[in-house]
Amino acid sequence: MVTRSASASYEGLGKDGKGHVSTQSGVLSNNPYGFNTRFENEPGTNPEELIAAAHASCFTMALSFALAGAGHSVGTLETSAKVTLDKDGDGFTITKSALTLKGHVEGIEQDEFERIAAEAKAGCPVSKVLNAEITLETTFG
């Protein structure tokens, strides 16, 4: 079993508050986040951006391993994820994670590539934890 951790702090309350987020690995270390980084595009990160990074990297690794398991050894995969945060009553809900994949794998037909990609999307641990619509658009070639 693997356990990873992150921590967050917030000083002040509401729109005037400022937060910092850190990860166990140190890749993020007291990176700023808050209302302005989440809703006004100021420098810093936000939960949706972090979820998008997690989903894109998890899916891409799952697909890489699935392709290798199917006997393929040469290729490149590039994935972006766009996480949507929608108003939900008095709060907000993450409603979608849209994955966009560009891949080139030697010796595979497009239909097999898309089938394996769809299986990786469904089986990726981050996909499983998200209670939102998850779409996948692929470009092959």
Protein backbone atom coordinates (compact mmCIF):
# COMPACT_ATOMS: atom_id res chain seq x y z
CA MET A 1 0.00 0.00 0.00
CA VAL A 2 1.18 3.52 -0.83
CA THR A 3 0.19 6.57 1.19
CA ARG A 4 1.05 10.08 0.09
CA SER A 5 0.30 13.28 1.94
CA ALA A 6 -0.13 16.99 1.50
CA SER A 7 -1.01 19.79 3.88
CA ALA A 8 -2.74 23.13 3.63
CA SER A 9 -3.05 26.15 5.87
CA TYR A 10 -5.24 29.25 5.64
CA GLU A 11 -4.71 32.53 7.45
CA GLY A 12 -7.62 34.92 7.55
CA LEU A 13 -11.12 34.02 6.48
CA GLY A 14 -13.11 34.15 3.26
CA LYS A 15 -11.92 36.25 0.33
CA ASP A 16 -9.36 38.04 2.49
CA GLY A 17 -7.69 34.82 3.60
CA LYS A 18 -4.47 33.45 2.14
CA GLY A 19 -3.50 29.82 2.06
CA HIS A 20 -0.41 27.72 1.45
CA VAL A 21 -0.20 24.14 0.26
CA SER A 22 2.71 21.70 0.54
CA THR A 23 3.29 18.13 -0.55
CA GLN A 24 5.19 15.31 1.11
CA SER A 25 7.69 15.17 -1.77
CA GLY A 26 8.46 18.89 -1.48
CA VAL A 27 7.46 19.59 -5.08
CA LEU A 28 4.98 22.04 -3.61
CA SER A 29 6.33 23.87 -0.60
CA ASN A 30 4.15 26.59 0.90
CA ASN A 31 2.72 27.43 -2.52
CA PRO A 32 0.09 30.17 -2.26
CA TYR A 33 -3.59 29.59 -2.88
CA GLY A 34 -6.78 31.41 -2.04
CA PHE A 35 -9.81 33.11 -3.52
CA ASN A 36 -7.69 35.17 -5.91
CA THR A 37 -5.76 32.17 -7.26
CA ARG A 38 -8.92 30.11 -7.56
CA PHE A 39 -11.35 32.59 -9.09
CA GLU A 40 -9.30 35.53 -10.36
CA ASN A 41 -6.25 33.88 -12.00
CA GLU A 42 -3.66 35.45 -9.72
CA PRO A 43 -0.31 33.64 -9.35
CA GLY A 44 -0.50 30.56 -7.17
CA THR A 45 -2.35 27.29 -7.35
CA ASN A 46 -5.84 26.05 -6.56
CA PRO A 47 -7.53 22.74 -5.81
CA GLU A 48 -8.93 22.30 -9.32
CA GLU A 49 -5.52 22.81 -10.92
CA LEU A 50 -4.02 20.24 -8.56
CA ILE A 51 -6.80 17.75 -9.36
CA ALA A 52 -6.25 18.35 -13.09
CA ALA A 53 -2.53 17.66 -12.69
CA ALA A 54 -3.25 14.52 -10.67
CA HIS A 55 -5.79 13.24 -13.18
CA ALA A 56 -3.65 13.94 -16.26
CA SER A 57 -0.58 12.29 -14.76
CA CYS A 58 -2.46 9.29 -13.32
CA PHE A 59 -4.31 8.59 -16.56
CA THR A 60 -1.18 8.98 -18.70
CA MET A 61 0.80 6.59 -16.50
CA ALA A 62 -2.08 4.07 -16.47
CA LEU A 63 -2.26 4.23 -20.26
CA SER A 64 1.51 3.85 -20.59
CA PHE A 65 1.46 0.69 -18.50
CA ALA A 66 -1.59 -0.68 -20.34
CA LEU A 67 0.10 -0.14 -23.70
CA ALA A 68 3.28 -1.79 -22.45
CA GLY A 69 1.20 -4.69 -21.14
CA ALA A 70 -0.33 -5.07 -24.61
CA GLY A 71 3.17 -5.49 -26.05
CA HIS A 72 3.95 -1.97 -27.23
CA SER A 73 7.30 -0.43 -26.36
CA VAL A 74 7.76 2.77 -28.39
CA GLY A 75 5.52 5.82 -28.18
CA THR A 76 4.72 9.18 -26.70
CA LEU A 77 1.65 10.32 -24.77
CA GLU A 78 0.65 13.89 -23.91
CA THR A 79 -2.44 14.52 -21.80
CA SER A 80 -4.09 17.67 -20.54
CA ALA A 81 -6.99 17.76 -18.08
CA LYS A 82 -9.48 20.57 -17.63
CA VAL A 83 -11.39 20.39 -14.36
CA THR A 84 -14.68 22.31 -14.23
CA LEU A 85 -15.92 23.93 -11.02
CA ASP A 86 -19.60 24.89 -11.24
CA LYS A 87 -21.83 26.85 -8.89
CA ASP A 88 -24.04 24.50 -6.87
CA GLY A 89 -26.57 26.30 -4.69
CA ASP A 90 -24.60 28.29 -2.14
CA GLY A 91 -21.40 26.38 -2.89
CA PHE A 92 -19.53 24.75 -5.74
CA THR A 93 -19.12 21.27 -7.23
CA ILE A 94 -16.46 19.82 -9.47
CA THR A 95 -18.61 18.53 -12.32
CA LYS A 96 -16.16 17.45 -14.99
CA SER A 97 -12.63 16.44 -15.80
CA ALA A 98 -12.02 16.61 -19.55
CA LEU A 99 -8.95 14.66 -20.62
CA THR A 100 -7.36 15.45 -23.97
CA LEU A 101 -4.81 12.93 -25.16
CA LYS A 102 -2.37 13.13 -28.04
CA GLY A 103 -0.58 9.86 -28.61
CA HIS A 104 1.73 8.16 -31.04
CA VAL A 105 2.49 4.48 -30.51
CA GLU A 106 4.37 2.43 -33.05
CA GLY A 107 2.66 -0.73 -34.29
CA ILE A 108 -0.86 -0.06 -33.01
CA GLU A 109 -4.08 0.64 -34.87
CA GLN A 110 -6.19 3.63 -33.87
CA ASP A 111 -9.16 1.56 -32.68
CA GLU A 112 -6.95 -0.51 -30.34
CA PHE A 113 -5.28 2.68 -29.05
CA GLU A 114 -8.67 4.25 -28.29
CA ARG A 115 -9.95 1.06 -26.61
CA ILE A 116 -6.90 0.84 -24.35
CA ALA A 117 -7.13 4.58 -23.60
CA ALA A 118 -10.80 4.23 -22.59
CA GLU A 119 -9.91 1.33 -20.29
CA ALA A 120 -7.08 3.37 -18.74
CA LYS A 121 -9.48 6.30 -18.19
CA ALA A 122 -11.92 4.03 -16.35
CA GLY A 123 -9.21 2.23 -14.37
CA CYS A 124 -7.03 5.16 -13.34
CA PRO A 125 -7.22 5.56 -9.53
CA VAL A 126 -7.88 9.31 -9.83
CA SER A 127 -10.75 8.66 -12.26
CA LYS A 128 -12.23 6.28 -9.71
CA VAL A 129 -12.12 8.86 -6.92
CA LEU A 130 -13.73 11.67 -8.92
CA ASN A 131 -17.51 11.85 -8.69
CA ALA A 132 -17.81 13.88 -11.88
CA GLU A 133 -18.24 13.38 -15.61
CA ILE A 134 -14.94 12.30 -17.12
CA THR A 135 -14.50 12.70 -20.87
CA LEU A 136 -11.65 11.64 -23.12
CA GLU A 137 -10.71 13.06 -26.52
CA THR A 138 -7.88 11.33 -28.35
CA THR A 139 -5.63 12.33 -31.23
CA PHE A 140 -3.72 9.49 -32.80
CA GLY A 141 -0.86 9.61 -35.21
